[in-house]
Amino acid sequence: MPMNRITFNTEQCGGRPCIRGMRIRVKDVLDLLAAGVSDKEILEDFPYLEAEDIKACLVYAAAAADHTVLAAS
């Protein structure tokens, strides 16, 4: 399951979600993808990452964006 690749540690990266306990944040990978960097390029630049890590970041982002927004009336 991709989500077990996302870890949280209050002593690391300010408690932000990271990949497999490493000091690379989910946000770092998402920022690269948003900038148009391909999966292949990310994996070449960060050889300790795996394709499943990138997928886990996308699954995490999708889950984080799926919440109800209540509007004040």
Protein backbone atom coordinates (compact mmCIF):
# COMPACT_ATOMS: atom_id res chain seq x y z
CA MET A 1 0.00 0.00 0.00
CA PRO A 2 1.49 3.37 -1.00
CA MET A 3 0.46 5.22 2.15
CA ASN A 4 2.80 3.21 4.39
CA ARG A 5 5.66 4.96 2.59
CA ILE A 6 4.62 8.32 4.07
CA THR A 7 6.05 8.86 7.54
CA PHE A 8 5.76 11.54 10.20
CA ASN A 9 8.39 12.38 12.80
CA THR A 10 8.14 15.48 14.97
CA GLU A 11 11.94 15.56 15.17
CA GLN A 12 12.40 15.60 11.39
CA CYS A 13 11.45 18.27 8.83
CA GLY A 14 9.22 19.99 11.38
CA GLY A 15 6.90 17.00 11.55
CA ARG A 16 5.93 17.35 7.91
CA PRO A 17 5.14 14.19 5.95
CA CYS A 18 8.29 12.57 4.53
CA ILE A 19 9.08 9.54 2.44
CA ARG A 20 10.09 6.37 4.28
CA GLY A 21 11.73 8.24 7.16
CA MET A 22 14.13 10.08 4.86
CA ARG A 23 14.56 13.81 4.88
CA ILE A 24 12.69 14.32 1.66
CA ARG A 25 9.25 15.76 2.18
CA VAL A 26 6.14 14.83 0.27
CA LYS A 27 5.91 18.50 -0.64
CA ASP A 28 9.36 18.38 -2.28
CA VAL A 29 8.25 15.62 -4.64
CA LEU A 30 4.92 17.31 -5.34
CA ASP A 31 6.68 20.60 -6.09
CA LEU A 32 8.95 18.84 -8.59
CA LEU A 33 5.99 17.19 -10.30
CA ALA A 34 4.10 20.50 -10.40
CA ALA A 35 7.13 22.13 -12.02
CA GLY A 36 6.95 19.57 -14.81
CA VAL A 37 9.81 17.33 -13.71
CA SER A 38 9.10 13.78 -14.87
CA ASP A 39 9.04 10.75 -12.60
CA LYS A 40 12.07 9.46 -14.47
CA GLU A 41 14.04 12.66 -13.80
CA ILE A 42 13.11 12.63 -10.12
CA LEU A 43 14.27 9.03 -9.78
CA GLU A 44 17.54 9.85 -11.57
CA ASP A 45 18.19 12.89 -9.36
CA PHE A 46 17.22 11.06 -6.16
CA PRO A 47 18.39 7.45 -6.63
CA TYR A 48 17.25 6.47 -3.13
CA LEU A 49 13.62 7.14 -4.14
CA GLU A 50 11.46 4.52 -5.81
CA ALA A 51 8.56 4.87 -8.23
CA GLU A 52 6.19 3.76 -5.46
CA ASP A 53 7.36 6.73 -3.36
CA ILE A 54 6.20 9.15 -6.05
CA LYS A 55 2.87 7.34 -6.29
CA ALA A 56 2.52 7.49 -2.50
CA CYS A 57 3.02 11.27 -2.59
CA LEU A 58 0.23 11.63 -5.13
CA VAL A 59 -2.10 9.36 -3.14
CA TYR A 60 -1.32 11.34 0.01
CA ALA A 61 -2.01 14.67 -1.74
CA ALA A 62 -5.28 13.40 -3.16
CA ALA A 63 -6.42 12.21 0.27
CA ALA A 64 -5.35 15.49 1.89
CA ALA A 65 -7.36 17.48 -0.67
CA ASP A 66 -10.50 15.42 -0.11
CA HIS A 67 -12.20 17.20 2.75
CA THR A 68 -15.41 19.07 3.21
CA VAL A 69 -15.29 22.85 3.11
CA LEU A 70 -17.98 24.61 5.09
CA ALA A 71 -18.97 28.07 3.96
CA ALA A 72 -20.23 30.62 6.45
CA SER A 73 -23.55 32.10 5.53
